[in-house]
Amino acid sequence: MHPGGPYWRGKDIAAWSIPKGELEEGADPLTTAQREFHEETGSRPSGELVALAPLKQPSGKLIYAWAMRGDIDANAISSNTFSLEWPPHSGKRREFPEVDKGAWFTLAVARERISPGQRGFLDQLQARFGSAGEVSSSRGA
């Protein structure tokens, strides 16, 4: 998913991400991932889940993710929104979609576009399933 909002406008390489959100203390990572997937895509995940090994981000945050085979129209995503003062220091708040677009990529293209801290998920998918087909940021917490 490509993050929405003015900061990410015009950024493409190393800007894409799996759907993810804050994992609150005591919350179940899978339940959080399913909720975030729905909020950021408008689709409810269904199908067999393949747990991927969590990845520690440069910030120290741990991201949990699952893969799932599915058929989602990347052009039909519908994301929740967030409020941000924009332009900065203007006193005006605007709503922006949390995700402004989705897409399917080959593994090679996905490696260029996904956030560097999440490339390990692509490595795990390739090791488990090979390099055939397309991948999308499936879901995460």
C-alpha atoms as a PDB file:
ATOM      1  CA  MET A   1       0.000   0.000   0.000  1.00  0.00           C
ATOM      2  CA  HIS A   2       1.188   3.509  -0.706  1.00  0.00           C
ATOM      3  CA  PRO A   3       0.781   5.787   2.327  1.00  0.00           C
ATOM      4  CA  GLY A   4      -1.486   8.780   1.910  1.00  0.00           C
ATOM      5  CA  GLY A   5      -1.005  12.334   3.034  1.00  0.00           C
ATOM      6  CA  PRO A   6       1.170  15.183   1.864  1.00  0.00           C
ATOM      7  CA  TYR A   7       4.486  13.793   3.134  1.00  0.00           C
ATOM      8  CA  TRP A   8       4.275  10.730   0.866  1.00  0.00           C
ATOM      9  CA  ARG A   9       2.902  12.507  -2.230  1.00  0.00           C
ATOM     10  CA  GLY A  10       5.409  12.061  -5.035  1.00  0.00           C
ATOM     11  CA  LYS A  11       7.438   9.422  -3.172  1.00  0.00           C
ATOM     12  CA  ASP A  12       7.497   5.951  -4.676  1.00  0.00           C
ATOM     13  CA  ILE A  13      10.813   4.110  -4.249  1.00  0.00           C
ATOM     14  CA  ALA A  14      11.113   2.670  -0.719  1.00  0.00           C
ATOM     15  CA  ALA A  15       7.810   4.318   0.255  1.00  0.00           C
ATOM     16  CA  TRP A  16       5.305   1.451   0.032  1.00  0.00           C
ATOM     17  CA  SER A  17       4.298  -0.611   3.061  1.00  0.00           C
ATOM     18  CA  ILE A  18       2.213  -3.520   4.192  1.00  0.00           C
ATOM     19  CA  PRO A  19      -0.973  -2.446   6.002  1.00  0.00           C
ATOM     20  CA  LYS A  20       0.029  -2.055   9.628  1.00  0.00           C
ATOM     21  CA  GLY A  21      -0.897  -0.287  12.802  1.00  0.00           C
ATOM     22  CA  GLU A  22       0.005   0.172  16.415  1.00  0.00           C
ATOM     23  CA  LEU A  23      -0.105  -3.040  18.420  1.00  0.00           C
ATOM     24  CA  GLU A  24      -1.454  -2.065  21.806  1.00  0.00           C
ATOM     25  CA  GLU A  25      -0.150  -3.802  24.914  1.00  0.00           C
ATOM     26  CA  GLY A  26      -1.894  -7.124  25.440  1.00  0.00           C
ATOM     27  CA  ALA A  27      -3.558  -7.071  21.994  1.00  0.00           C
ATOM     28  CA  ASP A  28      -3.437 -10.091  19.714  1.00  0.00           C
ATOM     29  CA  PRO A  29      -1.146  -9.357  16.727  1.00  0.00           C
ATOM     30  CA  LEU A  30      -3.318 -11.317  14.267  1.00  0.00           C
ATOM     31  CA  THR A  31      -6.541  -9.585  15.340  1.00  0.00           C
ATOM     32  CA  THR A  32      -4.778  -6.224  15.045  1.00  0.00           C
ATOM     33  CA  ALA A  33      -3.455  -7.141  11.587  1.00  0.00           C
ATOM     34  CA  GLN A  34      -6.904  -8.181  10.357  1.00  0.00           C
ATOM     35  CA  ARG A  35      -8.452  -4.925  11.631  1.00  0.00           C
ATOM     36  CA  GLU A  36      -5.709  -2.796  10.062  1.00  0.00           C
ATOM     37  CA  PHE A  37      -5.994  -4.657   6.758  1.00  0.00           C
ATOM     38  CA  HIS A  38      -9.705  -3.868   6.625  1.00  0.00           C
ATOM     39  CA  GLU A  39      -9.228  -0.224   7.665  1.00  0.00           C
ATOM     40  CA  GLU A  40      -6.512   0.392   5.082  1.00  0.00           C
ATOM     41  CA  THR A  41      -7.963  -1.546   2.140  1.00  0.00           C
ATOM     42  CA  GLY A  42     -11.707  -1.774   2.720  1.00  0.00           C
ATOM     43  CA  SER A  43     -11.477  -5.568   2.264  1.00  0.00           C
ATOM     44  CA  ARG A  44     -11.850  -8.233   4.899  1.00  0.00           C
ATOM     45  CA  PRO A  45      -9.104 -10.841   4.668  1.00  0.00           C
ATOM     46  CA  SER A  46     -10.181 -14.435   4.209  1.00  0.00           C
ATOM     47  CA  GLY A  47      -8.192 -17.515   3.424  1.00  0.00           C
ATOM     48  CA  GLU A  48      -5.346 -19.545   4.815  1.00  0.00           C
ATOM     49  CA  LEU A  49      -2.829 -17.415   6.681  1.00  0.00           C
ATOM     50  CA  VAL A  50       0.912 -18.011   6.582  1.00  0.00           C
ATOM     51  CA  ALA A  51       2.696 -16.439   9.530  1.00  0.00           C
ATOM     52  CA  LEU A  52       5.924 -14.650   8.650  1.00  0.00           C
ATOM     53  CA  ALA A  53       8.733 -14.063  11.135  1.00  0.00           C
ATOM     54  CA  PRO A  54       8.385 -10.619  12.763  1.00  0.00           C
ATOM     55  CA  LEU A  55      10.854  -7.955  11.639  1.00  0.00           C
ATOM     56  CA  LYS A  56      12.441  -5.353  13.875  1.00  0.00           C
ATOM     57  CA  GLN A  57      12.430  -1.924  12.236  1.00  0.00           C
ATOM     58  CA  PRO A  58      15.263   0.620  12.488  1.00  0.00           C
ATOM     59  CA  SER A  59      13.017   2.515  14.945  1.00  0.00           C
ATOM     60  CA  GLY A  60      12.946  -0.571  17.181  1.00  0.00           C
ATOM     61  CA  LYS A  61       9.293  -1.324  16.407  1.00  0.00           C
ATOM     62  CA  LEU A  62       8.515  -4.999  15.798  1.00  0.00           C
ATOM     63  CA  ILE A  63       6.214  -5.718  12.832  1.00  0.00           C
ATOM     64  CA  TYR A  64       4.224  -8.941  12.661  1.00  0.00           C
ATOM     65  CA  ALA A  65       2.895 -10.029   9.265  1.00  0.00           C
ATOM     66  CA  TRP A  66       0.943 -12.794   7.582  1.00  0.00           C
ATOM     67  CA  ALA A  67       0.691 -13.755   3.949  1.00  0.00           C
ATOM     68  CA  MET A  68      -2.468 -14.927   2.281  1.00  0.00           C
ATOM     69  CA  ARG A  69      -3.322 -15.903  -1.270  1.00  0.00           C
ATOM     70  CA  GLY A  70      -6.171 -13.775  -2.498  1.00  0.00           C
ATOM     71  CA  ASP A  71      -7.658 -11.724  -5.275  1.00  0.00           C
ATOM     72  CA  ILE A  72      -8.136  -8.095  -4.287  1.00  0.00           C
ATOM     73  CA  ASP A  73      -8.618  -5.338  -6.825  1.00  0.00           C
ATOM     74  CA  ALA A  74      -5.779  -2.963  -5.913  1.00  0.00           C
ATOM     75  CA  ASN A  75      -7.555  -0.146  -7.765  1.00  0.00           C
ATOM     76  CA  ALA A  76     -10.636  -0.493  -5.567  1.00  0.00           C
ATOM     77  CA  ILE A  77      -9.094  -0.025  -2.135  1.00  0.00           C
ATOM     78  CA  SER A  78     -10.903   2.221   0.296  1.00  0.00           C
ATOM     79  CA  SER A  79      -8.913   3.510   3.250  1.00  0.00           C
ATOM     80  CA  ASN A  80      -9.752   5.158   6.530  1.00  0.00           C
ATOM     81  CA  THR A  81      -8.509   8.742   7.015  1.00  0.00           C
ATOM     82  CA  PHE A  82      -6.380  10.723   9.440  1.00  0.00           C
ATOM     83  CA  SER A  83      -6.419  14.399  10.387  1.00  0.00           C
ATOM     84  CA  LEU A  84      -3.328  16.570   9.969  1.00  0.00           C
ATOM     85  CA  GLU A  85      -2.595  20.280  10.252  1.00  0.00           C
ATOM     86  CA  TRP A  86      -1.896  21.237   6.642  1.00  0.00           C
ATOM     87  CA  PRO A  87      -0.154  23.303   5.538  1.00  0.00           C
ATOM     88  CA  PRO A  88       2.099  23.159   8.612  1.00  0.00           C
ATOM     89  CA  HIS A  89       1.550  25.939  11.160  1.00  0.00           C
ATOM     90  CA  SER A  90      -1.572  27.105   9.286  1.00  0.00           C
ATOM     91  CA  GLY A  91      -4.031  26.180  12.020  1.00  0.00           C
ATOM     92  CA  LYS A  92      -6.081  24.338   9.363  1.00  0.00           C
ATOM     93  CA  ARG A  93      -6.759  20.634   9.749  1.00  0.00           C
ATOM     94  CA  ARG A  94      -7.380  18.431   6.734  1.00  0.00           C
ATOM     95  CA  GLU A  95      -8.356  14.818   6.323  1.00  0.00           C
ATOM     96  CA  PHE A  96      -6.141  12.513   4.255  1.00  0.00           C
ATOM     97  CA  PRO A  97      -6.530   8.826   3.371  1.00  0.00           C
ATOM     98  CA  GLU A  98      -4.180   6.602   5.343  1.00  0.00           C
ATOM     99  CA  VAL A  99      -3.524   4.735   2.083  1.00  0.00           C
ATOM    100  CA  ASP A 100      -3.839   6.519  -1.244  1.00  0.00           C
ATOM    101  CA  LYS A 101      -3.320   3.552  -3.590  1.00  0.00           C
ATOM    102  CA  GLY A 102      -2.572  -0.127  -3.798  1.00  0.00           C
ATOM    103  CA  ALA A 103      -0.809  -2.151  -6.483  1.00  0.00           C
ATOM    104  CA  TRP A 104       0.468  -5.599  -7.349  1.00  0.00           C
ATOM    105  CA  PHE A 105       4.192  -5.923  -8.084  1.00  0.00           C
ATOM    106  CA  THR A 106       6.652  -8.580  -9.156  1.00  0.00           C
ATOM    107  CA  LEU A 107       9.122  -9.427  -6.393  1.00  0.00           C
ATOM    108  CA  ALA A 108      11.861  -7.427  -8.128  1.00  0.00           C
ATOM    109  CA  VAL A 109       9.728  -4.275  -8.312  1.00  0.00           C
ATOM    110  CA  ALA A 110       8.357  -4.825  -4.805  1.00  0.00           C
ATOM    111  CA  ARG A 111      11.928  -4.855  -3.437  1.00  0.00           C
ATOM    112  CA  GLU A 112      12.473  -1.362  -4.862  1.00  0.00           C
ATOM    113  CA  ARG A 113       9.188   0.071  -3.692  1.00  0.00           C
ATOM    114  CA  ILE A 114       8.683  -1.392  -0.209  1.00  0.00           C
ATOM    115  CA  SER A 115      10.110   0.278   2.858  1.00  0.00           C
ATOM    116  CA  PRO A 116      13.647  -1.074   3.454  1.00  0.00           C
ATOM    117  CA  GLY A 117      12.717  -2.356   6.912  1.00  0.00           C
ATOM    118  CA  GLN A 118      10.025  -4.574   5.381  1.00  0.00           C
ATOM    119  CA  ARG A 119      12.083  -6.159   2.581  1.00  0.00           C
ATOM    120  CA  GLY A 120      12.715  -9.139   4.854  1.00  0.00           C
ATOM    121  CA  PHE A 121       9.057 -10.111   4.426  1.00  0.00           C
ATOM    122  CA  LEU A 122       9.648 -10.409   0.670  1.00  0.00           C
ATOM    123  CA  ASP A 123      12.696 -12.590   1.349  1.00  0.00           C
ATOM    124  CA  GLN A 124      10.549 -14.854   3.518  1.00  0.00           C
ATOM    125  CA  LEU A 125       7.845 -15.091   0.862  1.00  0.00           C
ATOM    126  CA  GLN A 126      10.379 -15.899  -1.843  1.00  0.00           C
ATOM    127  CA  ALA A 127      12.053 -18.578   0.300  1.00  0.00           C
ATOM    128  CA  ARG A 128       8.713 -20.171   1.067  1.00  0.00           C
ATOM    129  CA  PHE A 129       6.889 -19.853  -2.264  1.00  0.00           C
ATOM    130  CA  GLY A 130       9.520 -19.093  -4.928  1.00  0.00           C
ATOM    131  CA  SER A 131       9.610 -16.045  -7.168  1.00  0.00           C
ATOM    132  CA  ALA A 132       6.657 -16.751  -9.453  1.00  0.00           C
ATOM    133  CA  GLY A 133       3.680 -14.458  -9.568  1.00  0.00           C
ATOM    134  CA  GLU A 134       2.974 -11.076  -8.082  1.00  0.00           C
ATOM    135  CA  VAL A 135       3.058  -9.945  -4.486  1.00  0.00           C
ATOM    136  CA  SER A 136       1.344  -7.199  -2.611  1.00  0.00           C
ATOM    137  CA  SER A 137       1.746  -5.944   0.882  1.00  0.00           C
ATOM    138  CA  SER A 138      -0.735  -8.398   2.329  1.00  0.00           C
ATOM    139  CA  ARG A 139      -1.237  -7.448   5.971  1.00  0.00           C
ATOM    140  CA  GLY A 140       0.671  -6.510   9.056  1.00  0.00           C
ATOM    141  CA  ALA A 141       0.527  -5.171  12.595  1.00  0.00           C
END
